[in-house]
Amino acid sequence: MQSTPPSLQTPQEAKIGKLSPSFHVEAVADGDKFIEVELKDYLGKWLVLFFYPLDFTFICPTEITAFSKRYDEFRALGVEVLGGSTDSKHSHKAWLKELGALRFPLFSDLNKSMARDYGVLVPEEGTALRGTFIIDPEGILKYALIHDNGVGRSVTETLRVLQAFQTGDLCPVDWQQGEQTLGK
């Protein structure tokens, strides 16, 4: 009996330094196109994956549009961005008519398996906490930030952490791109 190689196994939960949970979900891209996205689509690239609680809310649009406005900075680092919630793809499409086009897809985790696997599901509400994950080109989870839904995340901090990971070196507190690293 042959076992599945570790690189092809699907972990059940997100753990830093381990292969990220696989996903295959529907998404809305370019404002009105339904597409399918999978973790394997992003192999070979850095990925910022983020969850937000719900469409048509107060804080979420501020975060989502901030990621979109700074999308060129992510792309300059060779990074893809993918955001989403437990709302349906149809809810996303309707919301985007108000919000405006985004420069990255919004995924729909309607069955909540992705939110569960990444540890952000609030089961009694059927929604996700604010979760930000950085996944390296090999599919390894490098960073996870999960917090209460009352405060928006910092896109600037997400970019800073990405830049630090991309040095491949040790970076001290508050390290900024171009500063000295600590060496290995």
N, C-alpha and C. Protein backbone atom coordinates (compact mmCIF):
# COMPACT_ATOMS: atom_id res chain seq x y z
N MET A 1 0.84 -1.18 0.00
CA MET A 1 0.00 0.00 0.00
C MET A 1 0.88 1.24 0.00
N GLN A 2 0.67 2.12 -0.95
CA GLN A 2 1.49 3.31 -1.09
C GLN A 2 0.80 4.48 -0.39
N SER A 3 1.56 5.28 0.38
CA SER A 3 0.97 6.43 1.07
C SER A 3 1.09 7.68 0.19
N THR A 4 0.24 8.66 0.49
CA THR A 4 0.26 9.92 -0.25
C THR A 4 1.48 10.73 0.20
N PRO A 5 2.25 11.24 -0.76
CA PRO A 5 3.41 12.06 -0.39
C PRO A 5 2.97 13.27 0.43
N PRO A 6 3.79 13.71 1.41
CA PRO A 6 3.42 14.84 2.26
C PRO A 6 3.03 16.08 1.47
N SER A 7 3.65 16.34 0.33
CA SER A 7 3.35 17.54 -0.44
C SER A 7 1.95 17.52 -1.04
N LEU A 8 1.31 16.35 -1.10
CA LEU A 8 -0.03 16.25 -1.68
C LEU A 8 -1.11 16.02 -0.63
N GLN A 9 -0.73 15.86 0.61
CA GLN A 9 -1.72 15.66 1.66
C GLN A 9 -2.42 16.97 1.97
N THR A 10 -3.69 16.88 2.37
CA THR A 10 -4.45 18.05 2.74
C THR A 10 -4.55 18.12 4.25
N PRO A 11 -3.91 19.11 4.86
CA PRO A 11 -4.03 19.22 6.32
C PRO A 11 -5.45 19.59 6.70
N GLN A 12 -5.85 19.24 7.91
CA GLN A 12 -7.18 19.53 8.39
C GLN A 12 -7.29 20.90 9.04
N GLU A 13 -6.17 21.45 9.44
CA GLU A 13 -6.20 22.77 10.05
C GLU A 13 -4.91 23.51 9.72
N ALA A 14 -5.01 24.84 9.76
CA ALA A 14 -3.86 25.67 9.43
C ALA A 14 -2.87 25.69 10.58
N LYS A 15 -1.61 25.41 10.28
CA LYS A 15 -0.53 25.48 11.27
C LYS A 15 0.68 26.15 10.63
N ILE A 16 1.26 27.08 11.36
CA ILE A 16 2.43 27.79 10.87
C ILE A 16 3.55 26.80 10.60
N GLY A 17 4.22 26.98 9.45
CA GLY A 17 5.33 26.12 9.09
C GLY A 17 4.91 24.82 8.42
N LYS A 18 3.63 24.63 8.26
CA LYS A 18 3.09 23.41 7.63
C LYS A 18 2.34 23.79 6.35
N LEU A 19 2.06 22.77 5.55
CA LEU A 19 1.30 22.97 4.32
C LEU A 19 -0.06 23.58 4.66
N SER A 20 -0.43 24.61 3.94
CA SER A 20 -1.71 25.28 4.17
C SER A 20 -2.86 24.36 3.79
N PRO A 21 -4.00 24.50 4.48
CA PRO A 21 -5.17 23.71 4.08
C PRO A 21 -5.55 24.00 2.63
N SER A 22 -5.81 22.96 1.90
CA SER A 22 -6.22 23.10 0.51
C SER A 22 -7.63 23.66 0.45
N PHE A 23 -7.95 24.33 -0.62
CA PHE A 23 -9.31 24.81 -0.82
C PHE A 23 -9.64 24.82 -2.30
N HIS A 24 -10.91 24.72 -2.59
CA HIS A 24 -11.45 24.82 -3.95
C HIS A 24 -12.80 25.49 -3.77
N VAL A 25 -12.87 26.77 -4.11
CA VAL A 25 -14.08 27.56 -3.88
C VAL A 25 -14.41 28.40 -5.11
N GLU A 26 -15.64 28.87 -5.14
CA GLU A 26 -16.05 29.80 -6.18
C GLU A 26 -15.71 31.21 -5.73
N ALA A 27 -15.52 32.09 -6.69
CA ALA A 27 -15.16 33.46 -6.39
C ALA A 27 -15.76 34.38 -7.44
N VAL A 28 -15.75 35.66 -7.12
CA VAL A 28 -16.15 36.68 -8.09
C VAL A 28 -14.89 37.47 -8.44
N ALA A 29 -14.64 37.59 -9.72
CA ALA A 29 -13.47 38.34 -10.20
C ALA A 29 -13.94 39.40 -11.19
N ASP A 30 -13.20 40.46 -11.28
CA ASP A 30 -13.49 41.55 -12.22
C ASP A 30 -14.91 42.09 -12.05
N GLY A 31 -15.42 42.05 -10.82
CA GLY A 31 -16.71 42.63 -10.50
C GLY A 31 -17.92 41.77 -10.76
N ASP A 32 -17.86 40.91 -11.79
CA ASP A 32 -19.08 40.17 -12.11
C ASP A 32 -18.87 38.78 -12.73
N LYS A 33 -17.63 38.31 -12.76
CA LYS A 33 -17.36 36.99 -13.35
C LYS A 33 -17.20 35.94 -12.26
N PHE A 34 -17.90 34.83 -12.40
CA PHE A 34 -17.75 33.72 -11.46
C PHE A 34 -16.61 32.84 -11.94
N ILE A 35 -15.68 32.55 -11.03
CA ILE A 35 -14.54 31.70 -11.34
C ILE A 35 -14.37 30.70 -10.20
N GLU A 36 -13.51 29.73 -10.39
CA GLU A 36 -13.14 28.81 -9.32
C GLU A 36 -11.68 29.05 -9.00
N VAL A 37 -11.36 28.99 -7.71
CA VAL A 37 -9.98 29.15 -7.27
C VAL A 37 -9.62 28.02 -6.33
N GLU A 38 -8.36 27.60 -6.42
CA GLU A 38 -7.83 26.54 -5.57
C GLU A 38 -6.47 26.97 -5.06
N LEU A 39 -6.08 26.42 -3.92
CA LEU A 39 -4.75 26.73 -3.40
C LEU A 39 -3.69 26.40 -4.44
N LYS A 40 -3.84 25.29 -5.14
CA LYS A 40 -2.81 24.89 -6.11
C LYS A 40 -2.63 25.91 -7.24
N ASP A 41 -3.65 26.76 -7.48
CA ASP A 41 -3.52 27.82 -8.49
C ASP A 41 -2.44 28.82 -8.11
N TYR A 42 -2.14 28.90 -6.82
CA TYR A 42 -1.22 29.91 -6.31
C TYR A 42 0.17 29.35 -6.00
N LEU A 43 0.37 28.06 -6.19
CA LEU A 43 1.70 27.49 -5.96
C LEU A 43 2.70 28.16 -6.89
N GLY A 44 3.88 28.44 -6.37
CA GLY A 44 4.90 29.14 -7.15
C GLY A 44 4.84 30.65 -6.93
N LYS A 45 3.84 31.11 -6.17
CA LYS A 45 3.67 32.54 -5.88
C LYS A 45 3.39 32.70 -4.39
N TRP A 46 3.66 33.86 -3.88
CA TRP A 46 3.22 34.20 -2.53
C TRP A 46 1.74 34.53 -2.60
N LEU A 47 1.02 34.23 -1.52
CA LEU A 47 -0.41 34.50 -1.47
C LEU A 47 -0.77 35.14 -0.14
N VAL A 48 -1.51 36.24 -0.21
CA VAL A 48 -2.16 36.80 0.97
C VAL A 48 -3.62 36.39 0.86
N LEU A 49 -4.04 35.59 1.81
CA LEU A 49 -5.41 35.09 1.88
C LEU A 49 -6.06 35.76 3.09
N PHE A 50 -7.20 36.41 2.88
CA PHE A 50 -7.84 37.03 4.04
C PHE A 50 -9.33 36.75 4.08
N PHE A 51 -9.81 36.60 5.30
CA PHE A 51 -11.23 36.39 5.57
C PHE A 51 -11.79 37.66 6.22
N TYR A 52 -13.02 37.96 5.90
CA TYR A 52 -13.75 39.03 6.58
C TYR A 52 -15.13 38.48 6.93
N PRO A 53 -15.86 39.11 7.86
CA PRO A 53 -17.09 38.51 8.35
C PRO A 53 -18.25 38.47 7.36
N LEU A 54 -18.63 39.59 6.78
CA LEU A 54 -19.83 39.63 5.95
C LEU A 54 -19.79 40.76 4.93
N ASP A 55 -20.46 40.55 3.82
CA ASP A 55 -20.69 41.62 2.86
C ASP A 55 -21.68 42.62 3.49
N PHE A 56 -21.75 43.81 2.94
CA PHE A 56 -22.71 44.83 3.35
C PHE A 56 -22.58 45.22 4.83
N THR A 57 -21.35 45.28 5.32
CA THR A 57 -21.11 45.68 6.71
C THR A 57 -20.30 46.97 6.74
N PHE A 58 -19.88 47.38 7.92
CA PHE A 58 -19.26 48.70 8.09
C PHE A 58 -17.74 48.71 7.90
N ILE A 59 -17.02 47.81 8.55
CA ILE A 59 -15.56 47.82 8.52
C ILE A 59 -15.03 47.12 7.27
N CYS A 60 -15.67 46.04 6.87
CA CYS A 60 -15.17 45.21 5.76
C CYS A 60 -14.86 45.99 4.49
N PRO A 61 -15.73 46.92 4.07
CA PRO A 61 -15.40 47.64 2.83
C PRO A 61 -14.12 48.46 2.94
N THR A 62 -13.81 48.95 4.15
CA THR A 62 -12.60 49.75 4.31
C THR A 62 -11.36 48.90 4.09
N GLU A 63 -11.41 47.66 4.58
CA GLU A 63 -10.26 46.76 4.42
C GLU A 63 -10.12 46.28 2.98
N ILE A 64 -11.22 45.84 2.44
CA ILE A 64 -11.21 45.24 1.10
C ILE A 64 -10.75 46.26 0.07
N THR A 65 -11.28 47.47 0.15
CA THR A 65 -10.85 48.49 -0.81
C THR A 65 -9.40 48.91 -0.57
N ALA A 66 -8.94 48.85 0.69
CA ALA A 66 -7.52 49.17 0.96
C ALA A 66 -6.60 48.14 0.31
N PHE A 67 -6.96 46.85 0.39
CA PHE A 67 -6.17 45.84 -0.31
C PHE A 67 -6.16 46.11 -1.81
N SER A 68 -7.30 46.48 -2.36
CA SER A 68 -7.40 46.74 -3.79
C SER A 68 -6.58 47.97 -4.21
N LYS A 69 -6.65 49.04 -3.41
CA LYS A 69 -5.90 50.25 -3.72
C LYS A 69 -4.39 50.00 -3.71
N ARG A 70 -3.95 49.06 -2.87
CA ARG A 70 -2.51 48.80 -2.74
C ARG A 70 -2.09 47.54 -3.48
N TYR A 71 -2.95 47.06 -4.34
CA TYR A 71 -2.70 45.82 -5.08
C TYR A 71 -1.39 45.88 -5.87
N ASP A 72 -1.06 47.01 -6.47
CA ASP A 72 0.20 47.13 -7.23
C ASP A 72 1.42 46.87 -6.35
N GLU A 73 1.35 47.27 -5.08
CA GLU A 73 2.46 47.01 -4.15
C GLU A 73 2.61 45.50 -3.90
N PHE A 74 1.50 44.79 -3.78
CA PHE A 74 1.55 43.34 -3.61
C PHE A 74 2.11 42.69 -4.88
N ARG A 75 1.63 43.11 -6.02
CA ARG A 75 2.09 42.53 -7.29
C ARG A 75 3.57 42.79 -7.52
N ALA A 76 4.06 43.95 -7.10
CA ALA A 76 5.49 44.26 -7.24
C ALA A 76 6.34 43.29 -6.42
N LEU A 77 5.76 42.71 -5.39
CA LEU A 77 6.45 41.72 -4.56
C LEU A 77 6.20 40.29 -5.05
N GLY A 78 5.48 40.15 -6.16
CA GLY A 78 5.17 38.82 -6.68
C GLY A 78 4.10 38.11 -5.86
N VAL A 79 3.18 38.89 -5.30
CA VAL A 79 2.17 38.35 -4.39
C VAL A 79 0.79 38.46 -5.01
N GLU A 80 0.00 37.40 -4.85
CA GLU A 80 -1.41 37.39 -5.23
C GLU A 80 -2.22 37.67 -3.97
N VAL A 81 -3.39 38.25 -4.13
CA VAL A 81 -4.30 38.53 -3.02
C VAL A 81 -5.62 37.83 -3.30
N LEU A 82 -6.18 37.21 -2.26
CA LEU A 82 -7.47 36.54 -2.37
C LEU A 82 -8.21 36.78 -1.06
N GLY A 83 -9.38 37.40 -1.15
CA GLY A 83 -10.16 37.67 0.04
C GLY A 83 -11.52 37.03 -0.07
N GLY A 84 -12.19 36.86 1.07
CA GLY A 84 -13.52 36.31 1.01
C GLY A 84 -14.17 36.12 2.35
N SER A 85 -15.38 35.59 2.29
CA SER A 85 -16.20 35.39 3.48
C SER A 85 -17.09 34.17 3.28
N THR A 86 -17.98 33.96 4.22
CA THR A 86 -18.92 32.84 4.12
C THR A 86 -20.19 33.25 3.36
N ASP A 87 -20.20 34.43 2.78
CA ASP A 87 -21.32 34.86 1.94
C ASP A 87 -21.30 34.10 0.62
N SER A 88 -22.41 34.14 -0.09
CA SER A 88 -22.48 33.48 -1.40
C SER A 88 -21.80 34.33 -2.47
N LYS A 89 -21.49 33.69 -3.58
CA LYS A 89 -20.89 34.42 -4.70
C LYS A 89 -21.88 35.47 -5.24
N HIS A 90 -23.17 35.19 -5.11
CA HIS A 90 -24.18 36.14 -5.58
C HIS A 90 -24.24 37.37 -4.68
N SER A 91 -24.06 37.16 -3.36
CA SER A 91 -23.99 38.29 -2.43
C SER A 91 -22.78 39.15 -2.76
N HIS A 92 -21.62 38.50 -3.01
CA HIS A 92 -20.41 39.25 -3.39
C HIS A 92 -20.67 40.09 -4.64
N LYS A 93 -21.26 39.46 -5.64
CA LYS A 93 -21.50 40.17 -6.92
C LYS A 93 -22.41 41.37 -6.70
N ALA A 94 -23.46 41.20 -5.91
CA ALA A 94 -24.38 42.32 -5.62
C ALA A 94 -23.66 43.42 -4.84
N TRP A 95 -22.85 43.03 -3.86
CA TRP A 95 -22.14 44.00 -3.04
C TRP A 95 -21.13 44.79 -3.88
N LEU A 96 -20.48 44.11 -4.82
CA LEU A 96 -19.48 44.78 -5.65
C LEU A 96 -20.09 45.86 -6.53
N LYS A 97 -21.39 45.78 -6.78
CA LYS A 97 -22.06 46.86 -7.53
C LYS A 97 -22.03 48.16 -6.71
N GLU A 98 -22.10 48.04 -5.39
CA GLU A 98 -21.99 49.20 -4.49
C GLU A 98 -20.53 49.58 -4.24
N LEU A 99 -19.73 48.55 -3.97
CA LEU A 99 -18.35 48.74 -3.54
C LEU A 99 -17.44 49.20 -4.68
N GLY A 100 -17.72 48.72 -5.88
CA GLY A 100 -16.86 48.98 -7.02
C GLY A 100 -15.96 47.79 -7.30
N ALA A 101 -15.37 47.77 -8.46
CA ALA A 101 -14.52 46.64 -8.87
C ALA A 101 -13.30 46.54 -7.96
N LEU A 102 -12.90 45.31 -7.69
CA LEU A 102 -11.69 45.03 -6.94
C LEU A 102 -10.64 44.47 -7.89
N ARG A 103 -9.40 44.53 -7.49
CA ARG A 103 -8.32 44.07 -8.35
C ARG A 103 -7.91 42.64 -8.03
N PHE A 104 -8.67 41.96 -7.18
CA PHE A 104 -8.42 40.57 -6.81
C PHE A 104 -9.77 39.89 -6.61
N PRO A 105 -9.81 38.57 -6.66
CA PRO A 105 -11.08 37.86 -6.49
C PRO A 105 -11.55 37.83 -5.03
N LEU A 106 -12.87 37.74 -4.87
CA LEU A 106 -13.50 37.50 -3.57
C LEU A 106 -14.07 36.09 -3.59
N PHE A 107 -13.59 35.24 -2.69
CA PHE A 107 -14.08 33.86 -2.66
C PHE A 107 -15.32 33.74 -1.80
N SER A 108 -16.10 32.72 -2.11
CA SER A 108 -17.30 32.39 -1.35
C SER A 108 -17.08 31.05 -0.66
N ASP A 109 -17.13 31.08 0.66
CA ASP A 109 -16.97 29.88 1.47
C ASP A 109 -18.34 29.54 2.09
N LEU A 110 -19.31 29.36 1.24
CA LEU A 110 -20.68 29.17 1.68
C LEU A 110 -20.85 27.95 2.58
N ASN A 111 -20.09 26.89 2.32
CA ASN A 111 -20.20 25.70 3.18
C ASN A 111 -19.32 25.79 4.43
N LYS A 112 -18.57 26.86 4.54
CA LYS A 112 -17.77 27.20 5.73
C LYS A 112 -16.60 26.27 6.02
N SER A 113 -16.28 25.39 5.09
CA SER A 113 -15.17 24.45 5.32
C SER A 113 -13.82 25.16 5.32
N MET A 114 -13.67 26.14 4.47
CA MET A 114 -12.40 26.87 4.40
C MET A 114 -12.19 27.67 5.69
N ALA A 115 -13.23 28.36 6.15
CA ALA A 115 -13.13 29.12 7.40
C ALA A 115 -12.82 28.18 8.56
N ARG A 116 -13.42 27.01 8.56
CA ARG A 116 -13.16 26.02 9.62
C ARG A 116 -11.70 25.57 9.56
N ASP A 117 -11.23 25.21 8.36
CA ASP A 117 -9.86 24.73 8.20
C ASP A 117 -8.82 25.77 8.61
N TYR A 118 -9.12 27.03 8.36
CA TYR A 118 -8.17 28.09 8.70
C TYR A 118 -8.39 28.66 10.11
N GLY A 119 -9.33 28.08 10.84
CA GLY A 119 -9.52 28.43 12.24
C GLY A 119 -10.19 29.76 12.49
N VAL A 120 -10.96 30.27 11.53
CA VAL A 120 -11.60 31.58 11.70
C VAL A 120 -13.13 31.49 11.81
N LEU A 121 -13.69 30.31 11.71
CA LEU A 121 -15.14 30.16 11.73
C LEU A 121 -15.72 30.45 13.12
N VAL A 122 -16.77 31.25 13.14
CA VAL A 122 -17.57 31.48 14.33
C VAL A 122 -18.85 30.65 14.11
N PRO A 123 -18.87 29.40 14.58
CA PRO A 123 -19.95 28.48 14.22
C PRO A 123 -21.36 28.97 14.55
N GLU A 124 -21.53 29.58 15.71
CA GLU A 124 -22.87 30.01 16.10
C GLU A 124 -23.41 31.15 15.23
N GLU A 125 -22.51 31.86 14.53
CA GLU A 125 -22.93 32.94 13.64
C GLU A 125 -22.85 32.55 12.17
N GLY A 126 -22.06 31.51 11.88
CA GLY A 126 -21.86 31.11 10.49
C GLY A 126 -21.00 32.08 9.70
N THR A 127 -20.22 32.89 10.42
CA THR A 127 -19.36 33.88 9.78
C THR A 127 -17.90 33.62 10.16
N ALA A 128 -17.03 34.40 9.56
CA ALA A 128 -15.60 34.27 9.84
C ALA A 128 -15.12 35.45 10.67
N LEU A 129 -14.10 35.20 11.49
CA LEU A 129 -13.36 36.28 12.13
C LEU A 129 -12.47 36.93 11.07
N ARG A 130 -11.89 38.05 11.40
CA ARG A 130 -10.91 38.67 10.49
C ARG A 130 -9.64 37.83 10.59
N GLY A 131 -9.27 37.22 9.51
CA GLY A 131 -8.07 36.40 9.47
C GLY A 131 -7.23 36.77 8.27
N THR A 132 -5.94 36.92 8.48
CA THR A 132 -4.99 37.23 7.41
C THR A 132 -3.92 36.16 7.42
N PHE A 133 -3.66 35.56 6.28
CA PHE A 133 -2.71 34.45 6.16
C PHE A 133 -1.75 34.74 5.02
N ILE A 134 -0.47 34.49 5.26
CA ILE A 134 0.54 34.59 4.21
C ILE A 134 1.04 33.19 3.95
N ILE A 135 0.96 32.81 2.67
CA ILE A 135 1.35 31.47 2.23
C ILE A 135 2.48 31.62 1.23
N ASP A 136 3.56 30.87 1.44
CA ASP A 136 4.72 31.00 0.55
C ASP A 136 4.51 30.23 -0.76
N PRO A 137 5.43 30.37 -1.70
CA PRO A 137 5.27 29.73 -3.02
C PRO A 137 5.17 28.20 -2.98
N GLU A 138 5.63 27.57 -1.89
CA GLU A 138 5.53 26.11 -1.77
C GLU A 138 4.23 25.68 -1.09
N GLY A 139 3.39 26.66 -0.72
CA GLY A 139 2.13 26.34 -0.06
C GLY A 139 2.24 26.25 1.45
N ILE A 140 3.36 26.69 2.01
CA ILE A 140 3.58 26.64 3.46
C ILE A 140 3.01 27.90 4.10
N LEU A 141 2.26 27.70 5.17
CA LEU A 141 1.69 28.83 5.91
C LEU A 141 2.80 29.48 6.74
N LYS A 142 3.07 30.75 6.45
CA LYS A 142 4.14 31.48 7.13
C LYS A 142 3.62 32.44 8.20
N TYR A 143 2.37 32.86 8.08
CA TYR A 143 1.85 33.92 8.96
C TYR A 143 0.35 33.77 9.08
N ALA A 144 -0.15 33.95 10.29
CA ALA A 144 -1.59 33.94 10.54
C ALA A 144 -1.90 34.99 11.59
N LEU A 145 -2.83 35.84 11.29
CA LEU A 145 -3.31 36.84 12.24
C LEU A 145 -4.83 36.74 12.25
N ILE A 146 -5.37 36.41 13.41
CA ILE A 146 -6.82 36.25 13.55
C ILE A 146 -7.25 37.12 14.72
N HIS A 147 -8.28 37.93 14.48
CA HIS A 147 -8.75 38.78 15.57
C HIS A 147 -10.24 39.05 15.49
N ASP A 148 -10.76 39.64 16.57
CA ASP A 148 -12.16 39.99 16.68
C ASP A 148 -12.57 40.90 15.52
N ASN A 149 -13.84 40.85 15.19
CA ASN A 149 -14.33 41.58 14.02
C ASN A 149 -14.54 43.07 14.22
N GLY A 150 -14.34 43.59 15.43
CA GLY A 150 -14.60 45.00 15.71
C GLY A 150 -13.53 45.96 15.22
N VAL A 151 -12.37 45.44 14.80
CA VAL A 151 -11.27 46.31 14.36
C VAL A 151 -10.72 45.80 13.04
N GLY A 152 -10.53 46.71 12.10
CA GLY A 152 -9.97 46.34 10.81
C GLY A 152 -8.48 46.06 10.89
N ARG A 153 -8.01 45.31 9.93
CA ARG A 153 -6.57 44.95 9.89
C ARG A 153 -5.77 46.03 9.20
N SER A 154 -4.45 45.92 9.26
CA SER A 154 -3.54 46.88 8.64
C SER A 154 -2.93 46.28 7.37
N VAL A 155 -3.25 46.86 6.24
CA VAL A 155 -2.65 46.42 4.98
C VAL A 155 -1.17 46.76 4.98
N THR A 156 -0.81 47.88 5.59
CA THR A 156 0.60 48.27 5.69
C THR A 156 1.40 47.21 6.44
N GLU A 157 0.86 46.71 7.53
CA GLU A 157 1.56 45.67 8.30
C GLU A 157 1.65 44.37 7.50
N THR A 158 0.62 44.04 6.77
CA THR A 158 0.66 42.84 5.94
C THR A 158 1.79 42.94 4.91
N LEU A 159 1.92 44.09 4.28
CA LEU A 159 3.01 44.30 3.31
C LEU A 159 4.37 44.22 4.00
N ARG A 160 4.50 44.81 5.18
CA ARG A 160 5.78 44.79 5.91
C ARG A 160 6.19 43.36 6.24
N VAL A 161 5.24 42.57 6.73
CA VAL A 161 5.54 41.18 7.09
C VAL A 161 5.92 40.37 5.85
N LEU A 162 5.21 40.58 4.76
CA LEU A 162 5.56 39.90 3.50
C LEU A 162 7.00 40.22 3.08
N GLN A 163 7.33 41.49 3.10
CA GLN A 163 8.68 41.90 2.72
C GLN A 163 9.72 41.25 3.63
N ALA A 164 9.43 41.16 4.90
CA ALA A 164 10.36 40.53 5.83
C ALA A 164 10.53 39.05 5.50
N PHE A 165 9.44 38.34 5.28
CA PHE A 165 9.54 36.92 4.93
C PHE A 165 10.31 36.73 3.62
N GLN A 166 10.12 37.63 2.69
CA GLN A 166 10.77 37.48 1.39
C GLN A 166 12.28 37.72 1.45
N THR A 167 12.78 38.31 2.54
CA THR A 167 14.24 38.45 2.66
C THR A 167 14.88 37.09 2.88
N GLY A 168 14.11 36.14 3.44
CA GLY A 168 14.67 34.84 3.78
C GLY A 168 15.61 34.91 4.96
N ASP A 169 15.61 36.02 5.64
CA ASP A 169 16.54 36.26 6.73
C ASP A 169 15.79 36.55 8.02
N LEU A 170 16.54 36.76 9.10
CA LEU A 170 15.95 37.12 10.39
C LEU A 170 15.75 38.63 10.41
N CYS A 171 14.55 39.05 10.77
CA CYS A 171 14.24 40.48 10.78
C CYS A 171 13.80 40.90 12.17
N PRO A 172 14.41 41.97 12.71
CA PRO A 172 14.07 42.41 14.06
C PRO A 172 12.71 43.11 14.12
N VAL A 173 12.29 43.44 15.32
CA VAL A 173 11.03 44.14 15.55
C VAL A 173 10.96 45.41 14.70
N ASP A 174 9.81 45.67 14.13
CA ASP A 174 9.53 46.86 13.32
C ASP A 174 10.43 47.01 12.10
N TRP A 175 11.06 45.91 11.67
CA TRP A 175 11.91 45.94 10.49
C TRP A 175 11.13 46.51 9.31
N GLN A 176 11.80 47.31 8.51
CA GLN A 176 11.23 47.88 7.29
C GLN A 176 12.10 47.53 6.09
N GLN A 177 11.48 47.41 4.93
CA GLN A 177 12.22 47.06 3.73
C GLN A 177 13.39 48.02 3.54
N GLY A 178 14.56 47.45 3.23
CA GLY A 178 15.77 48.23 3.02
C GLY A 178 16.65 48.32 4.27
N GLU A 179 16.10 47.98 5.43
CA GLU A 179 16.89 48.01 6.65
C GLU A 179 17.72 46.74 6.80
N GLN A 180 18.69 46.81 7.66
CA GLN A 180 19.57 45.67 7.95
C GLN A 180 18.78 44.53 8.56
N THR A 181 19.05 43.32 8.10
CA THR A 181 18.49 42.13 8.74
C THR A 181 19.52 41.62 9.75
N LEU A 182 19.16 40.59 10.48
CA LEU A 182 20.05 40.08 11.53
C LEU A 182 20.95 38.95 11.07
N GLY A 183 20.79 38.52 9.83
CA GLY A 183 21.62 37.44 9.32
C GLY A 183 21.23 36.12 9.93
N LYS A 184 21.68 35.07 9.31
CA LYS A 184 21.36 33.73 9.82
C LYS A 184 22.54 33.10 10.47
